[in-house]
N, C-alpha and C. Protein backbone atom coordinates (compact mmCIF):
# COMPACT_ATOMS: atom_id res chain seq x y z
N MET A 1 0.98 -1.13 0.08
CA MET A 1 -0.15 -0.29 0.01
C MET A 1 0.63 1.14 0.08
N GLN A 2 0.43 2.06 -0.85
CA GLN A 2 1.19 3.38 -0.87
C GLN A 2 0.46 4.43 -0.27
N HIS A 3 1.53 5.36 0.93
CA HIS A 3 0.99 6.26 1.81
C HIS A 3 1.15 7.71 0.61
N LYS A 4 0.39 8.58 0.63
CA LYS A 4 1.02 9.65 0.38
C LYS A 4 1.71 10.50 1.49
N LEU A 5 2.78 11.50 1.38
CA LEU A 5 3.41 12.07 2.44
C LEU A 5 3.15 13.49 2.18
N ILE A 6 2.88 14.00 3.63
CA ILE A 6 3.05 15.81 3.35
C ILE A 6 3.92 16.30 4.54
N SER A 7 4.79 17.38 3.90
CA SER A 7 5.49 17.47 4.76
C SER A 7 4.69 18.66 5.86
N ALA A 8 5.69 18.50 6.88
CA ALA A 8 5.03 19.45 7.84
C ALA A 8 4.71 21.03 7.83
N THR A 9 5.46 21.61 7.15
CA THR A 9 5.33 23.03 6.40
C THR A 9 3.85 22.89 5.42
N ARG A 10 3.74 22.02 4.62
CA ARG A 10 2.41 21.71 3.62
C ARG A 10 1.52 21.75 4.58
N LEU A 11 1.43 20.78 5.82
CA LEU A 11 0.61 20.38 6.76
C LEU A 11 0.11 22.11 7.19
N ARG A 12 1.22 22.29 7.71
CA ARG A 12 0.62 24.04 8.59
C ARG A 12 -0.26 24.42 7.84
N ASN A 13 0.59 24.95 6.61
CA ASN A 13 -0.01 25.67 5.58
C ASN A 13 -1.32 25.63 5.06
N GLU A 14 -1.34 24.55 4.33
CA GLU A 14 -2.61 24.07 3.54
C GLU A 14 -3.53 23.47 4.59
N VAL A 15 -3.06 22.46 5.02
CA VAL A 15 -4.16 21.68 5.63
C VAL A 15 -4.85 22.46 6.93
N PHE A 16 -3.91 22.73 7.56
CA PHE A 16 -4.49 23.46 8.94
C PHE A 16 -4.42 25.24 8.69
N ASP A 17 -4.51 25.55 7.48
CA ASP A 17 -4.72 27.07 7.21
C ASP A 17 -3.54 27.95 8.06
N GLY A 18 -2.52 27.80 7.82
CA GLY A 18 -1.30 28.65 8.33
C GLY A 18 -1.27 28.68 9.78
N ALA A 19 -1.21 27.77 10.31
CA ALA A 19 -0.91 27.21 11.57
C ALA A 19 0.67 27.43 11.73
N SER A 20 0.90 27.82 13.25
CA SER A 20 2.08 28.15 13.42
C SER A 20 3.10 26.66 13.93
N ASP A 21 4.24 27.18 13.95
CA ASP A 21 4.81 25.51 14.11
C ASP A 21 4.60 24.82 15.59
N MET A 22 4.62 26.17 16.17
CA MET A 22 4.13 25.92 18.21
C MET A 22 3.17 25.17 17.79
N TRP A 23 2.21 25.50 17.33
CA TRP A 23 1.04 24.78 17.20
C TRP A 23 1.35 23.13 16.69
N LEU A 24 1.64 23.23 15.93
CA LEU A 24 1.85 21.69 15.68
C LEU A 24 3.06 21.20 16.32
N TRP A 25 3.79 21.78 17.27
CA TRP A 25 4.47 20.79 18.05
C TRP A 25 3.75 20.92 19.35
N ARG A 26 2.76 21.53 19.86
CA ARG A 26 1.72 21.18 20.93
C ARG A 26 0.91 20.05 20.65
N LYS A 27 0.48 19.73 19.23
CA LYS A 27 -0.06 18.89 18.80
C LYS A 27 0.47 17.54 19.17
N LEU A 28 1.68 17.46 18.36
CA LEU A 28 2.65 16.39 18.76
C LEU A 28 3.02 16.17 20.22
N ASN A 29 3.14 16.94 20.88
CA ASN A 29 3.66 16.75 22.46
C ASN A 29 2.54 16.40 23.21
N ASP A 30 1.38 16.11 23.03
CA ASP A 30 0.13 16.18 23.88
C ASP A 30 -0.23 15.03 23.78
N PRO A 31 -0.07 13.89 24.28
CA PRO A 31 -0.42 12.67 24.23
C PRO A 31 -2.12 12.26 24.51
N THR A 32 -2.82 13.30 25.03
CA THR A 32 -3.97 13.15 25.14
C THR A 32 -4.78 13.34 23.89
N LEU A 33 -4.11 14.06 22.62
CA LEU A 33 -5.02 14.34 21.41
C LEU A 33 -4.61 13.34 20.16
N GLU A 34 -3.76 12.41 20.66
CA GLU A 34 -3.68 11.06 20.11
C GLU A 34 -3.12 11.76 18.43
N PHE A 35 -2.33 12.72 18.12
CA PHE A 35 -2.11 13.29 16.98
C PHE A 35 -0.98 12.61 16.12
N PRO A 36 -1.21 11.86 14.94
CA PRO A 36 -0.48 11.22 14.19
C PRO A 36 1.56 11.94 14.22
N GLN A 37 1.92 10.94 14.59
CA GLN A 37 3.76 11.00 14.60
C GLN A 37 3.98 11.21 13.15
N PRO A 38 5.40 12.14 13.07
CA PRO A 38 5.79 12.43 11.66
C PRO A 38 6.64 10.89 11.31
N ILE A 39 7.13 11.13 10.36
CA ILE A 39 8.28 9.76 9.70
C ILE A 39 9.39 10.95 9.53
N ARG A 40 10.14 10.68 9.88
CA ARG A 40 11.38 11.58 9.42
C ARG A 40 12.26 10.91 8.37
N ILE A 41 12.35 11.66 7.72
CA ILE A 41 13.54 11.40 6.10
C ILE A 41 14.59 12.45 6.20
N ALA A 42 15.68 12.34 5.89
CA ALA A 42 16.90 13.53 6.25
C ALA A 42 16.52 14.22 7.30
N GLY A 43 15.85 14.15 8.13
CA GLY A 43 16.05 15.18 9.24
C GLY A 43 14.31 15.94 9.03
N ARG A 44 14.06 15.61 8.09
CA ARG A 44 12.66 16.60 7.91
C ARG A 44 11.38 15.91 7.98
N ARG A 45 10.30 16.13 8.82
CA ARG A 45 9.37 15.60 9.13
C ARG A 45 7.99 15.45 8.13
N TYR A 46 7.60 14.48 8.28
CA TYR A 46 6.63 14.25 6.81
C TYR A 46 5.39 13.37 7.82
N PHE A 47 4.32 13.38 7.08
CA PHE A 47 3.10 12.74 7.99
C PHE A 47 2.26 12.24 6.55
N ARG A 48 1.85 10.87 7.08
CA ARG A 48 0.84 10.28 6.12
C ARG A 48 -0.72 11.15 5.97
N GLU A 49 -0.83 11.30 5.02
CA GLU A 49 -2.06 12.11 4.60
C GLU A 49 -3.32 11.88 5.66
N ALA A 50 -3.22 10.27 4.70
CA ALA A 50 -4.75 9.24 5.26
C ALA A 50 -4.69 9.86 6.84
N GLU A 51 -3.72 9.41 7.76
CA GLU A 51 -3.71 9.47 9.10
C GLU A 51 -3.97 10.63 9.62
N ILE A 52 -3.78 11.80 8.74
CA ILE A 52 -3.96 13.39 8.76
C ILE A 52 -5.51 13.55 9.13
N PHE A 53 -5.87 13.06 8.14
CA PHE A 53 -7.58 13.44 7.71
C PHE A 53 -8.33 12.20 8.56
N ASP A 54 -7.99 11.26 8.73
CA ASP A 54 -8.25 10.37 9.77
C ASP A 54 -8.61 10.99 10.86
N TRP A 55 -7.87 11.35 11.64
CA TRP A 55 -7.47 12.35 12.93
C TRP A 55 -8.65 13.69 12.97
N ILE A 56 -8.84 13.96 11.98
CA ILE A 56 -9.25 15.40 11.82
C ILE A 56 -11.01 15.06 11.43
N GLU A 57 -11.31 13.86 11.07
CA GLU A 57 -12.88 13.03 10.68
C GLU A 57 -12.80 12.89 12.52
N LYS A 58 -12.04 11.96 13.24
CA LYS A 58 -12.62 11.72 14.37
C LYS A 58 -12.54 13.13 15.36
N GLN A 59 -11.67 13.91 15.02
CA GLN A 59 -12.10 15.14 16.30
C GLN A 59 -13.65 15.64 15.68
N ALA A 60 -13.93 15.60 14.44
CA ALA A 60 -15.06 16.17 14.39
C ALA A 60 -16.54 15.19 14.59
N ASP A 61 -16.05 13.92 14.54
CA ASP A 61 -17.28 13.23 14.80
C ASP A 61 -17.19 13.30 16.66
N GLU A 62 -16.01 13.60 17.25
CA GLU A 62 -16.27 13.69 18.63
C GLU A 62 -16.52 14.74 19.30
N ALA A 63 -16.55 16.15 18.52
CA ALA A 63 -17.47 17.21 18.41
C ALA A 63 -18.73 17.19 18.35
N ARG A 64 -19.05 16.35 17.17
CA ARG A 64 -20.70 16.42 17.30
C ARG A 64 -21.19 15.50 18.41
N GLY A 65 -20.78 14.38 18.75
CA GLY A 65 -21.46 13.87 19.96
C GLY A 65 -20.82 14.32 21.32
N ALA A 66 -20.48 15.36 21.59
CA ALA A 66 -19.88 16.18 22.52
C ALA A 66 -21.49 17.44 22.62
N MET A 67 -22.31 17.58 21.33
CA MET A 67 -23.19 18.33 21.53
C MET A 67 -24.62 18.24 22.23
C-alpha cells in the first residue's frame, strides 16, 4: 500500500490554514490528542496524509457527539 506523505510545512500551511510551528509542536507533544506522529526523512518531518485526515474526522465526530 502506498502512503502519500505531506511535509510539516505543507501540513501547517495548507491543511491547517497557516498554523504555526508551535501549534504543531503542541499537537505532537500532547499524548491526550493522539495526533499522528511524523516520519523523519533526512531530518525533515513528513506525515501520512490519510492519518491526518482520519484524525481530523475523529475530532469532528467527537465534537458532534459532545453537542
